[in-house]
C-alpha atoms as a PDB file:
ATOM      1  CA  MET A   1     134.243  89.440  99.428  1.00  0.00           C
ATOM      2  CA  ARG A   2     134.265  85.668  99.454  1.00  0.00           C
ATOM      3  CA  ALA A   3     133.135  84.969  95.873  1.00  0.00           C
ATOM      4  CA  PRO A   4     136.039  86.710  94.077  1.00  0.00           C
ATOM      5  CA  HIS A   5     138.456  85.021  96.450  1.00  0.00           C
ATOM      6  CA  LEU A   6     137.038  81.605  95.565  1.00  0.00           C
ATOM      7  CA  ALA A   7     137.322  82.427  91.871  1.00  0.00           C
ATOM      8  CA  VAL A   8     141.007  83.205  92.271  1.00  0.00           C
ATOM      9  CA  LEU A   9     141.566  79.922  94.094  1.00  0.00           C
ATOM     10  CA  LEU A  10     139.859  77.994  91.324  1.00  0.00           C
ATOM     11  CA  LEU A  11     142.001  79.710  88.686  1.00  0.00           C
ATOM     12  CA  LEU A  12     145.076  78.652  90.653  1.00  0.00           C
ATOM     13  CA  GLY A  13     143.872  75.072  90.636  1.00  0.00           C
ATOM     14  CA  VAL A  14     143.144  75.017  94.365  1.00  0.00           C
ATOM     15  CA  HIS A  15     139.663  73.927  95.376  1.00  0.00           C
ATOM     16  CA  ALA A  16     138.318  76.128  98.127  1.00  0.00           C
ATOM     17  CA  SER A  17     136.420  73.274  99.661  1.00  0.00           C
ATOM     18  CA  ALA A  18     136.420  69.529  99.309  1.00  0.00           C
ATOM     19  CA  PRO A  19     133.630  67.033  99.887  1.00  0.00           C
ATOM     20  CA  VAL A  20     133.626  64.964 103.050  1.00  0.00           C
ATOM     21  CA  TYR A  21     133.703  61.309 102.092  1.00  0.00           C
ATOM     22  CA  ALA A  22     132.115  58.369 103.779  1.00  0.00           C
ATOM     23  CA  GLY A  23     135.583  56.978 104.433  1.00  0.00           C
ATOM     24  CA  SER A  24     136.349  59.811 106.835  1.00  0.00           C
ATOM     25  CA  THR A  25     136.282  58.922 110.493  1.00  0.00           C
ATOM     26  CA  ALA A  26     135.364  62.501 111.391  1.00  0.00           C
ATOM     27  CA  GLN A  27     133.433  65.103 109.490  1.00  0.00           C
ATOM     28  CA  GLY A  28     135.403  68.261 108.641  1.00  0.00           C
ATOM     29  CA  SER A  29     133.030  71.161 108.084  1.00  0.00           C
ATOM     30  CA  VAL A  30     132.948  73.067 104.811  1.00  0.00           C
ATOM     31  CA  ALA A  31     133.827  76.201 106.755  1.00  0.00           C
ATOM     32  CA  SER A  32     136.993  74.636 108.163  1.00  0.00           C
ATOM     33  CA  GLU A  33     137.981  73.447 104.691  1.00  0.00           C
ATOM     34  CA  ASP A  34     137.498  76.996 103.374  1.00  0.00           C
ATOM     35  CA  ASP A  35     139.781  78.270 106.114  1.00  0.00           C
ATOM     36  CA  TRP A  36     142.370  75.577 105.451  1.00  0.00           C
ATOM     37  CA  PHE A  37     142.672  76.530 101.793  1.00  0.00           C
ATOM     38  CA  ALA A  38     142.522  80.297 102.303  1.00  0.00           C
ATOM     39  CA  ASN A  39     145.654  81.970 100.942  1.00  0.00           C
ATOM     40  CA  GLN A  40     147.598  84.570 102.856  1.00  0.00           C
ATOM     41  CA  TYR A  41     149.726  87.307 101.327  1.00  0.00           C
ATOM     42  CA  THR A  42     152.701  89.342 102.447  1.00  0.00           C
ATOM     43  CA  PRO A  43     152.351  93.143 102.303  1.00  0.00           C
ATOM     44  CA  GLY A  44     154.210  92.989  98.972  1.00  0.00           C
ATOM     45  CA  GLY A  45     151.868  90.367  97.518  1.00  0.00           C
ATOM     46  CA  VAL A  46     153.866  87.126  97.917  1.00  0.00           C
ATOM     47  CA  GLU A  47     151.433  84.246  98.267  1.00  0.00           C
ATOM     48  CA  VAL A  48     151.898  81.924 101.255  1.00  0.00           C
ATOM     49  CA  ARG A  49     149.473  79.031 101.459  1.00  0.00           C
ATOM     50  CA  ALA A  50     148.780  75.415 102.203  1.00  0.00           C
ATOM     51  CA  ASP A  51     147.807  73.006  99.422  1.00  0.00           C
ATOM     52  CA  VAL A  52     145.433  70.055  99.608  1.00  0.00           C
ATOM     53  CA  ARG A  53     147.348  68.100  96.972  1.00  0.00           C
ATOM     54  CA  VAL A  54     150.642  68.479  98.821  1.00  0.00           C
ATOM     55  CA  PHE A  55     148.957  67.527 102.110  1.00  0.00           C
ATOM     56  CA  THR A  56     147.465  64.356 100.658  1.00  0.00           C
ATOM     57  CA  LEU A  57     150.655  63.366  98.818  1.00  0.00           C
ATOM     58  CA  PHE A  58     152.734  63.667 101.977  1.00  0.00           C
ATOM     59  CA  ALA A  59     150.122  61.865 104.038  1.00  0.00           C
ATOM     60  CA  LEU A  60     150.547  58.961 101.618  1.00  0.00           C
ATOM     61  CA  LEU A  61     154.339  59.233 101.703  1.00  0.00           C
ATOM     62  CA  ASN A  62     154.420  59.249 105.499  1.00  0.00           C
ATOM     63  CA  ARG A  63     152.126  56.233 105.682  1.00  0.00           C
ATOM     64  CA  ALA A  64     154.316  54.445 103.125  1.00  0.00           C
ATOM     65  CA  GLY A  65     157.447  54.917 105.239  1.00  0.00           C
ATOM     66  CA  TYR A  66     158.756  58.423 104.557  1.00  0.00           C
ATOM     67  CA  ASP A  67     160.573  59.016 107.858  1.00  0.00           C
ATOM     68  CA  ALA A  68     162.952  61.875 106.996  1.00  0.00           C
ATOM     69  CA  GLY A  69     163.449  64.223 109.921  1.00  0.00           C
ATOM     70  CA  PRO A  70     165.967  65.240 112.589  1.00  0.00           C
ATOM     71  CA  LEU A  71     167.371  62.205 114.373  1.00  0.00           C
ATOM     72  CA  GLU A  72     166.080  62.195 117.943  1.00  0.00           C
ATOM     73  CA  ARG A  73     167.602  58.929 119.142  1.00  0.00           C
ATOM     74  CA  ALA A  74     170.000  56.654 117.273  1.00  0.00           C
ATOM     75  CA  HIS A  75     169.898  53.479 119.401  1.00  0.00           C
ATOM     76  CA  PRO A  76     168.671  50.856 119.665  1.00  0.00           C
ATOM     77  CA  VAL A  77     166.078  51.818 117.031  1.00  0.00           C
ATOM     78  CA  PRO A  78     166.452  55.204 115.297  1.00  0.00           C
ATOM     79  CA  THR A  79     163.623  57.620 116.009  1.00  0.00           C
ATOM     80  CA  TYR A  80     163.011  60.969 114.364  1.00  0.00           C
ATOM     81  CA  ARG A  81     161.502  64.212 115.581  1.00  0.00           C
ATOM     82  CA  TYR A  82     158.211  65.293 114.016  1.00  0.00           C
ATOM     83  CA  GLY A  83     155.998  68.276 114.666  1.00  0.00           C
ATOM     84  CA  ARG A  84     152.493  68.017 116.098  1.00  0.00           C
ATOM     85  CA  ALA A  85     150.680  68.012 112.755  1.00  0.00           C
ATOM     86  CA  ARG A  86     152.877  65.340 111.211  1.00  0.00           C
ATOM     87  CA  THR A  87     152.715  63.183 114.324  1.00  0.00           C
ATOM     88  CA  LEU A  88     148.923  63.416 114.367  1.00  0.00           C
ATOM     89  CA  VAL A  89     148.599  62.448 110.686  1.00  0.00           C
ATOM     90  CA  ARG A  90     151.000  59.518 111.038  1.00  0.00           C
ATOM     91  CA  GLU A  91     149.193  58.185 114.125  1.00  0.00           C
ATOM     92  CA  ARG A  92     145.695  58.511 112.633  1.00  0.00           C
ATOM     93  CA  LEU A  93     146.645  56.879 109.344  1.00  0.00           C
ATOM     94  CA  ALA A  94     148.384  53.928 111.015  1.00  0.00           C
ATOM     95  CA  SER A  95     144.996  52.198 111.207  1.00  0.00           C
ATOM     96  CA  ALA A  96     143.546  53.529 107.928  1.00  0.00           C
ATOM     97  CA  PRO A  97     142.254  51.032 105.330  1.00  0.00           C
ATOM     98  CA  PRO A  98     145.336  49.270 103.889  1.00  0.00           C
ATOM     99  CA  GLU A  99     144.129  49.112 100.291  1.00  0.00           C
ATOM    100  CA  VAL A 100     145.068  52.751  99.681  1.00  0.00           C
ATOM    101  CA  LEU A 101     148.516  52.138 101.151  1.00  0.00           C
ATOM    102  CA  GLN A 102     149.024  49.158  98.857  1.00  0.00           C
ATOM    103  CA  ALA A 103     148.025  51.233  95.840  1.00  0.00           C
ATOM    104  CA  ALA A 104     150.351  54.060  96.911  1.00  0.00           C
ATOM    105  CA  ARG A 105     153.325  51.740  97.369  1.00  0.00           C
ATOM    106  CA  ALA A 106     152.709  50.199  93.953  1.00  0.00           C
ATOM    107  CA  PHE A 107     152.547  53.644  92.346  1.00  0.00           C
ATOM    108  CA  PHE A 108     155.717  54.856  94.079  1.00  0.00           C
ATOM    109  CA  ALA A 109     157.546  51.667  93.063  1.00  0.00           C
ATOM    110  CA  ALA A 110     156.464  52.159  89.440  1.00  0.00           C
ATOM    111  CA  HIS A 111     157.509  55.839  89.462  1.00  0.00           C
ATOM    112  CA  PRO A 112     160.796  56.132  91.423  1.00  0.00           C
ATOM    113  CA  GLU A 113     161.168  59.887  90.962  1.00  0.00           C
ATOM    114  CA  PRO A 114     162.407  62.527  93.431  1.00  0.00           C
ATOM    115  CA  VAL A 115     159.767  64.212  95.547  1.00  0.00           C
ATOM    116  CA  GLU A 116     160.281  67.450  93.580  1.00  0.00           C
ATOM    117  CA  VAL A 117     159.019  65.664  90.454  1.00  0.00           C
ATOM    118  CA  TYR A 118     155.825  64.614  92.257  1.00  0.00           C
ATOM    119  CA  LEU A 119     155.362  68.174  93.514  1.00  0.00           C
ATOM    120  CA  ALA A 120     155.883  69.591  90.024  1.00  0.00           C
ATOM    121  CA  ARG A 121     153.107  67.334  88.744  1.00  0.00           C
ATOM    122  CA  LEU A 122     150.664  68.387  91.442  1.00  0.00           C
ATOM    123  CA  LEU A 123     151.488  72.102  91.423  1.00  0.00           C
ATOM    124  CA  GLY A 124     151.992  72.417  87.666  1.00  0.00           C
ATOM    125  CA  GLY A 125     149.293  70.095  86.372  1.00  0.00           C
ATOM    126  CA  PRO A 126     149.398  67.082  84.036  1.00  0.00           C
ATOM    127  CA  ASP A 127     150.876  69.140  81.176  1.00  0.00           C
ATOM    128  CA  VAL A 128     154.016  70.074  83.122  1.00  0.00           C
ATOM    129  CA  PRO A 129     157.110  69.239  81.020  1.00  0.00           C
ATOM    130  CA  GLY A 130     159.669  66.581  81.879  1.00  0.00           C
ATOM    131  CA  PRO A 131     159.346  63.469  84.068  1.00  0.00           C
ATOM    132  CA  ALA A 132     156.499  64.987  86.108  1.00  0.00           C
ATOM    133  CA  GLY A 133     154.223  64.733  83.079  1.00  0.00           C
ATOM    134  CA  GLU A 134     154.679  60.961  83.118  1.00  0.00           C
ATOM    135  CA  LEU A 135     153.165  60.474  86.581  1.00  0.00           C
ATOM    136  CA  VAL A 136     149.860  59.454  85.058  1.00  0.00           C
ATOM    137  CA  GLY A 137     147.442  58.256  87.715  1.00  0.00           C
ATOM    138  CA  LEU A 138     148.816  60.328  90.590  1.00  0.00           C
ATOM    139  CA  GLU A 139     145.706  62.481  90.795  1.00  0.00           C
ATOM    140  CA  ALA A 140     143.498  59.381  90.855  1.00  0.00           C
ATOM    141  CA  LEU A 141     145.589  57.975  93.694  1.00  0.00           C
ATOM    142  CA  LEU A 142     145.140  61.156  95.731  1.00  0.00           C
ATOM    143  CA  ALA A 143     141.412  61.149  95.015  1.00  0.00           C
ATOM    144  CA  ARG A 144     141.177  57.599  96.314  1.00  0.00           C
ATOM    145  CA  ALA A 145     142.961  58.627  99.514  1.00  0.00           C
ATOM    146  CA  GLU A 146     140.430  61.443  99.906  1.00  0.00           C
ATOM    147  CA  ARG A 147     137.557  58.982  99.561  1.00  0.00           C
ATOM    148  CA  GLU A 148     138.840  56.199 101.803  1.00  0.00           C
ATOM    149  CA  TRP A 149     141.000  57.969 104.390  1.00  0.00           C
ATOM    150  CA  PRO A 150     139.979  60.757 106.826  1.00  0.00           C
ATOM    151  CA  MET A 151     141.858  63.480 104.963  1.00  0.00           C
ATOM    152  CA  ALA A 152     139.263  66.238 105.452  1.00  0.00           C
ATOM    153  CA  ALA A 153     139.153  65.561 109.189  1.00  0.00           C
ATOM    154  CA  LEU A 154     142.947  65.607 109.424  1.00  0.00           C
ATOM    155  CA  ARG A 155     143.099  68.950 107.641  1.00  0.00           C
ATOM    156  CA  ALA A 156     140.528  70.347 110.041  1.00  0.00           C
ATOM    157  CA  GLU A 157     142.544  69.119 113.033  1.00  0.00           C
ATOM    158  CA  THR A 158     145.794  70.623 111.726  1.00  0.00           C
ATOM    159  CA  LEU A 159     144.291  73.915 110.557  1.00  0.00           C
ATOM    160  CA  LEU A 160     145.709  76.018 113.387  1.00  0.00           C
ATOM    161  CA  ASP A 161     149.173  74.534 112.948  1.00  0.00           C
ATOM    162  CA  PHE A 162     149.215  75.425 109.261  1.00  0.00           C
ATOM    163  CA  ARG A 163     147.796  78.908 109.736  1.00  0.00           C
ATOM    164  CA  THR A 164     150.289  79.699 112.499  1.00  0.00           C
ATOM    165  CA  GLU A 165     153.216  78.600 110.331  1.00  0.00           C
ATOM    166  CA  GLN A 166     151.904  80.530 107.319  1.00  0.00           C
ATOM    167  CA  ARG A 167     151.581  83.729 109.332  1.00  0.00           C
ATOM    168  CA  ALA A 168     155.143  83.391 110.621  1.00  0.00           C
ATOM    169  CA  TRP A 169     156.445  83.650 107.043  1.00  0.00           C
ATOM    170  CA  LEU A 170     154.506  86.776 106.062  1.00  0.00           C
ATOM    171  CA  PRO A 171     156.879  89.473 107.422  1.00  0.00           C
ATOM    172  CA  LEU A 172     160.034  87.761 106.116  1.00  0.00           C
ATOM    173  CA  LEU A 173     159.771  87.402 102.355  1.00  0.00           C
ATOM    174  CA  ASP A 174     159.167  90.713 100.591  1.00  0.00           C
ATOM    175  CA  ALA A 175     162.561  92.405 100.807  1.00  0.00           C
ATOM    176  CA  PRO A 176     164.647  89.245 100.191  1.00  0.00           C
ATOM    177  CA  PHE A 177     162.532  88.225  97.187  1.00  0.00           C
ATOM    178  CA  GLN A 178     162.745  91.744  95.734  1.00  0.00           C
ATOM    179  CA  GLN A 179     166.511  91.776  96.230  1.00  0.00           C
ATOM    180  CA  ALA A 180     166.870  88.327  94.692  1.00  0.00           C
ATOM    181  CA  ALA A 181     164.827  89.349  91.653  1.00  0.00           C
ATOM    182  CA  ARG A 182     167.081  92.382  91.182  1.00  0.00           C
ATOM    183  CA  LEU A 183     170.320  90.427  91.595  1.00  0.00           C
ATOM    184  CA  LEU A 184     169.139  87.704  89.227  1.00  0.00           C
ATOM    185  CA  GLY A 185     167.982  90.256  86.667  1.00  0.00           C
ATOM    186  CA  LEU A 186     164.434  88.915  86.526  1.00  0.00           C
ATOM    187  CA  ARG A 187     162.186  90.810  84.177  1.00  0.00           C
ATOM    188  CA  GLU A 188     159.041  92.533  85.374  1.00  0.00           C
ATOM    189  CA  GLY A 189     155.967  90.504  84.655  1.00  0.00           C
ATOM    190  CA  GLU A 190     157.586  87.126  85.332  1.00  0.00           C
ATOM    191  CA  PRO A 191     155.468  85.009  87.712  1.00  0.00           C
ATOM    192  CA  ALA A 192     156.291  85.777  91.333  1.00  0.00           C
ATOM    193  CA  PRO A 193     157.424  82.800  93.414  1.00  0.00           C
ATOM    194  CA  ARG A 194     154.854  81.329  95.765  1.00  0.00           C
ATOM    195  CA  VAL A 195     155.431  79.619  99.096  1.00  0.00           C
ATOM    196  CA  VAL A 196     153.572  76.481 100.175  1.00  0.00           C
ATOM    197  CA  VAL A 197     153.786  75.428 103.824  1.00  0.00           C
ATOM    198  CA  ASN A 198     153.977  71.649 104.277  1.00  0.00           C
ATOM    199  CA  LEU A 199     153.985  70.478 107.890  1.00  0.00           C
ATOM    200  CA  LEU A 200     154.081  66.799 106.861  1.00  0.00           C
ATOM    201  CA  GLU A 201     157.643  67.217 105.592  1.00  0.00           C
ATOM    202  CA  SER A 202     161.014  67.037 107.317  1.00  0.00           C
ATOM    203  CA  GLU A 203     161.806  69.882 109.681  1.00  0.00           C
ATOM    204  CA  GLY A 204     163.713  72.686 107.946  1.00  0.00           C
ATOM    205  CA  SER A 205     163.253  71.306 104.434  1.00  0.00           C
ATOM    206  CA  VAL A 206     163.035  73.688 101.471  1.00  0.00           C
ATOM    207  CA  ARG A 207     162.147  72.442  97.981  1.00  0.00           C
ATOM    208  CA  ALA A 208     162.126  74.673  94.899  1.00  0.00           C
ATOM    209  CA  VAL A 209     159.641  73.368  92.335  1.00  0.00           C
ATOM    210  CA  ASP A 210     159.467  74.529  88.724  1.00  0.00           C
ATOM    211  CA  THR A 211     155.817  74.198  87.726  1.00  0.00           C
ATOM    212  CA  GLY A 212     156.396  75.269  84.133  1.00  0.00           C
ATOM    213  CA  HIS A 213     154.645  78.575  84.795  1.00  0.00           C
ATOM    214  CA  GLY A 214     156.430  79.893  87.856  1.00  0.00           C
ATOM    215  CA  TRP A 215     158.344  78.655  90.883  1.00  0.00           C
ATOM    216  CA  VAL A 216     156.822  77.324  94.078  1.00  0.00           C
ATOM    217  CA  ILE A 217     158.941  76.957  97.210  1.00  0.00           C
ATOM    218  CA  VAL A 218     157.611  74.184  99.438  1.00  0.00           C
ATOM    219  CA  VAL A 219     158.813  74.682 103.015  1.00  0.00           C
ATOM    220  CA  GLY A 220     158.687  72.199 105.853  1.00  0.00           C
ATOM    221  CA  PRO A 221     158.205  73.069 109.529  1.00  0.00           C
ATOM    222  CA  ALA A 222     160.687  75.641 110.787  1.00  0.00           C
ATOM    223  CA  THR A 223     163.296  74.296 113.199  1.00  0.00           C
ATOM    224  CA  ARG A 224     162.973  77.280 115.534  1.00  0.00           C
ATOM    225  CA  ALA A 225     161.645  80.168 113.453  1.00  0.00           C
ATOM    226  CA  PRO A 226     161.304  80.584 109.671  1.00  0.00           C
ATOM    227  CA  GLN A 227     164.422  81.878 107.917  1.00  0.00           C
ATOM    228  CA  ALA A 228     164.332  83.625 104.534  1.00  0.00           C
ATOM    229  CA  GLU A 229     167.896  82.765 103.463  1.00  0.00           C
ATOM    230  CA  PRO A 230     167.331  79.044 102.691  1.00  0.00           C
ATOM    231  CA  VAL A 231     164.180  79.936 100.735  1.00  0.00           C
ATOM    232  CA  VAL A 232     165.976  82.540  98.611  1.00  0.00           C
ATOM    233  CA  ARG A 233     168.883  80.132  98.144  1.00  0.00           C
ATOM    234  CA  ALA A 234     166.574  77.379  96.893  1.00  0.00           C
ATOM    235  CA  LEU A 235     164.858  79.754  94.469  1.00  0.00           C
ATOM    236  CA  ALA A 236     168.200  81.085  93.173  1.00  0.00           C
ATOM    237  CA  ARG A 237     169.565  77.576  92.805  1.00  0.00           C
ATOM    238  CA  GLY A 238     166.596  76.495  90.736  1.00  0.00           C
ATOM    239  CA  LEU A 239     166.777  79.507  88.456  1.00  0.00           C
ATOM    240  CA  LEU A 240     170.567  79.401  88.063  1.00  0.00           C
ATOM    241  CA  SER A 241     170.590  75.656  87.432  1.00  0.00           C
ATOM    242  CA  ALA A 242     168.283  76.236  84.473  1.00  0.00           C
ATOM    243  CA  ARG A 243     170.465  79.075  83.156  1.00  0.00           C
ATOM    244  CA  LEU A 244     173.875  77.496  83.675  1.00  0.00           C
ATOM    245  CA  ALA A 245     173.217  73.790  83.082  1.00  0.00           C
ATOM    246  CA  GLY A 246     176.267  72.254  81.410  1.00  0.00           C
ATOM    247  CA  ARG A 247     178.109  75.572  81.123  1.00  0.00           C
ATOM    248  CA  LEU A 248     180.473  75.544  84.112  1.00  0.00           C
ATOM    249  CA  GLY A 249     182.222  72.176  84.246  1.00  0.00           C
ATOM    250  CA  ALA A 250     184.306  72.482  81.092  1.00  0.00           C
ATOM    251  CA  ARG A 251     184.884  76.245  81.260  1.00  0.00           C
ATOM    252  CA  TRP A 252     185.818  76.849  84.905  1.00  0.00           C
ATOM    253  CA  PRO A 253     189.569  76.051  85.105  1.00  0.00           C
ATOM    254  CA  GLY A 254     189.713  75.901  88.902  1.00  0.00           C
ATOM    255  CA  GLY A 255     186.373  74.227  89.335  1.00  0.00           C
ATOM    256  CA  ALA A 256     187.525  70.632  89.773  1.00  0.00           C
ATOM    257  CA  ALA A 257     190.140  71.563  92.382  1.00  0.00           C
ATOM    258  CA  ALA A 258     187.669  73.782  94.231  1.00  0.00           C
ATOM    259  CA  LEU A 259     185.092  70.995  94.283  1.00  0.00           C
ATOM    260  CA  LYS A 260     187.641  68.506  95.641  1.00  0.00           C
ATOM    261  CA  ASP A 261     188.559  70.845  98.507  1.00  0.00           C
ATOM    262  CA  ALA A 262     184.906  71.660  99.135  1.00  0.00           C
ATOM    263  CA  ARG A 263     183.914  68.010  99.400  1.00  0.00           C
ATOM    264  CA  ALA A 264     186.704  67.484 101.928  1.00  0.00           C
ATOM    265  CA  LYS A 265     184.997  70.161 104.049  1.00  0.00           C
ATOM    266  CA  GLY A 266     181.595  68.514 103.740  1.00  0.00           C
ATOM    267  CA  ALA A 267     179.981  70.074 100.650  1.00  0.00           C
ATOM    268  CA  GLY A 268     177.538  67.628  99.118  1.00  0.00           C
ATOM    269  CA  GLU A 269     177.670  68.563  95.424  1.00  0.00           C
ATOM    270  CA  GLY A 270     179.063  65.932  93.090  1.00  0.00           C
ATOM    271  CA  THR A 271     179.818  67.916  89.928  1.00  0.00           C
ATOM    272  CA  VAL A 272     181.563  71.180  89.106  1.00  0.00           C
ATOM    273  CA  ASP A 273     178.340  72.520  87.594  1.00  0.00           C
ATOM    274  CA  ASP A 274     176.345  71.809  90.754  1.00  0.00           C
ATOM    275  CA  TYR A 275     179.051  73.247  93.009  1.00  0.00           C
ATOM    276  CA  GLY A 276     179.311  76.445  90.969  1.00  0.00           C
ATOM    277  CA  VAL A 277     175.545  76.922  91.122  1.00  0.00           C
ATOM    278  CA  ALA A 278     175.622  76.235  94.873  1.00  0.00           C
ATOM    279  CA  LEU A 279     178.261  78.948  95.382  1.00  0.00           C
ATOM    280  CA  LEU A 280     176.357  81.486  93.301  1.00  0.00           C
ATOM    281  CA  SER A 281     173.006  80.771  94.943  1.00  0.00           C
ATOM    282  CA  ARG A 282     174.461  80.895  98.471  1.00  0.00           C
ATOM    283  CA  ALA A 283     176.237  84.157  97.773  1.00  0.00           C
ATOM    284  CA  LEU A 284     173.065  85.634  96.304  1.00  0.00           C
ATOM    285  CA  ALA A 285     170.901  84.489  99.217  1.00  0.00           C
ATOM    286  CA  LEU A 286     173.299  85.848 101.827  1.00  0.00           C
ATOM    287  CA  THR A 287     173.448  89.156  99.945  1.00  0.00           C
ATOM    288  CA  ALA A 288     169.682  89.396  99.484  1.00  0.00           C
ATOM    289  CA  THR A 289     169.008  88.746 103.168  1.00  0.00           C
ATOM    290  CA  GLY A 290     171.721  91.072 104.486  1.00  0.00           C
ATOM    291  CA  ALA A 291     173.511  88.254 106.286  1.00  0.00           C
ATOM    292  CA  PRO A 292     176.283  89.144 108.781  1.00  0.00           C
ATOM    293  CA  ALA A 293     179.946  88.296 108.174  1.00  0.00           C
ATOM    294  CA  GLY A 294     179.660  85.252 110.421  1.00  0.00           C
ATOM    295  CA  ALA A 295     177.258  83.592 107.983  1.00  0.00           C
ATOM    296  CA  TYR A 296     179.885  83.777 105.232  1.00  0.00           C
ATOM    297  CA  GLU A 297     182.484  82.292 107.588  1.00  0.00           C
ATOM    298  CA  ASP A 298     180.131  79.455 108.521  1.00  0.00           C
ATOM    299  CA  ALA A 299     179.574  78.694 104.838  1.00  0.00           C
ATOM    300  CA  SER A 300     183.328  78.619 104.214  1.00  0.00           C
ATOM    301  CA  ARG A 301     183.810  76.078 106.987  1.00  0.00           C
ATOM    302  CA  GLU A 302     181.211  73.896 105.255  1.00  0.00           C
ATOM    303  CA  GLY A 303     183.102  74.023 101.944  1.00  0.00           C
ATOM    304  CA  TYR A 304     181.468  77.028 100.259  1.00  0.00           C
ATOM    305  CA  PHE A 305     184.460  79.288  99.747  1.00  0.00           C
ATOM    306  CA  GLY A 306     184.780  82.919  98.730  1.00  0.00           C
ATOM    307  CA  LEU A 307     181.160  83.935  99.101  1.00  0.00           C
ATOM    308  CA  GLN A 308     181.943  87.467 100.243  1.00  0.00           C
ATOM    309  CA  THR A 309     184.090  87.979  97.141  1.00  0.00           C
ATOM    310  CA  LEU A 310     181.415  86.383  94.993  1.00  0.00           C
ATOM    311  CA  SER A 311     178.655  88.492  96.528  1.00  0.00           C
ATOM    312  CA  ARG A 312     180.402  91.639  95.287  1.00  0.00           C
ATOM    313  CA  SER A 313     180.154  90.265  91.756  1.00  0.00           C
ATOM    314  CA  PHE A 314     176.413  90.733  91.910  1.00  0.00           C
ATOM    315  CA  GLU A 315     177.075  94.459  91.605  1.00  0.00           C
ATOM    316  CA  ASP A 316     177.852  93.727  87.931  1.00  0.00           C
ATOM    317  CA  THR A 317     174.953  95.022  85.863  1.00  0.00           C
ATOM    318  CA  ARG A 318     175.235  92.201  83.329  1.00  0.00           C
ATOM    319  CA  PRO A 319     173.127  89.039  83.698  1.00  0.00           C
ATOM    320  CA  VAL A 320     174.521  86.503  86.159  1.00  0.00           C
ATOM    321  CA  ASP A 321     175.195  83.884  83.482  1.00  0.00           C
ATOM    322  CA  VAL A 322     177.485  86.372  81.673  1.00  0.00           C
ATOM    323  CA  TRP A 323     179.845  87.024  84.572  1.00  0.00           C
ATOM    324  CA  ALA A 324     179.411  83.767  86.512  1.00  0.00           C
ATOM    325  CA  LEU A 325     182.682  82.127  85.403  1.00  0.00           C
ATOM    326  CA  ASP A 326     184.780  85.213  86.130  1.00  0.00           C
ATOM    327  CA  GLY A 327     183.109  85.657  89.497  1.00  0.00           C
ATOM    328  CA  LEU A 328     183.645  82.027  90.490  1.00  0.00           C
ATOM    329  CA  ALA A 329     187.297  82.144  89.448  1.00  0.00           C
ATOM    330  CA  ARG A 330     187.920  85.232  91.590  1.00  0.00           C
ATOM    331  CA  ALA A 331     186.048  83.783  94.550  1.00  0.00           C
ATOM    332  CA  VAL A 332     187.807  80.426  94.933  1.00  0.00           C
ATOM    333  CA  THR A 333     191.347  81.169  93.667  1.00  0.00           C
ATOM    334  CA  TRP A 334     192.698  81.723  97.171  1.00  0.00           C
ATOM    335  CA  GLN A 335     189.922  80.306  99.280  1.00  0.00           C
ATOM    336  CA  ALA A 336     190.561  76.549  99.288  1.00  0.00           C
ATOM    337  CA  PRO A 337     194.064  75.875 100.631  1.00  0.00           C
ATOM    338  CA  ARG A 338     195.572  72.520  99.697  1.00  0.00           C
ATOM    339  CA  LYS A 339     196.568  69.986 102.314  1.00  0.00           C
END
């Protein structure tokens, strides 16, 4: 029945329909807005949805110059590859009233925070802890964009793109998320992670967002087809970062040497703590998704050593943060040959 479904959406902070404002150049119907916001669920109950707040935020970011995406041509002027939905939004908003753009640029300049902080504010609400709670005025900025830009019409025009991408994720998430919860030792009753599809983001992007009352994984357009491993890795990294913050650098004897060798291979982490968490989360994600041996070899070539050894450590029944240092030491002792 529709009414209970709408009640659930309201409890989640997602409006099932939005008014069509005079600033819209086309009128999106209430029915299409209902469809756009409708959640979908995997057989195991994982929520996969789109989100109006994320859509509007990234419409503003794109209009303000957010160009991240796969490089399509480097010379003479770099151009980037975007999907149909993102291309449509960027083209339509190129001629939108400039006052909203000016307000957005001023807000972004006054709040130079990572995108994950903005997402935490929108998905967690104004009471979310940390820097996200300081983004006062963000909701008013999005509301102004809704009034003065054709956001409802753009959502209606991209509905099929979003729904197609959402459906592609549904058969992929249950088993990996269940395995990850087991390997991480998550307690029953903890909020299940949710997935938000964001087609206005860079292709292949995965952002884990701590809302203060559960994790949301915001995924960009799939490069070819959705893959569960990066999603599980992002979730594990977020959870393990919270558990192990400040606990690896000083207590992992081989950590500095391993990080040096890893960076020479291309690993992007800058601290021993971050590298240790990256190793643990990669090993967990590969284990949870039943990755073949070649995936471990590929990771090693990128600077993430010893993941097969580390994956066996997850058989330990103790919490990850108890055995993490021992597992990391075993994994990298012989994996990073010196030059």
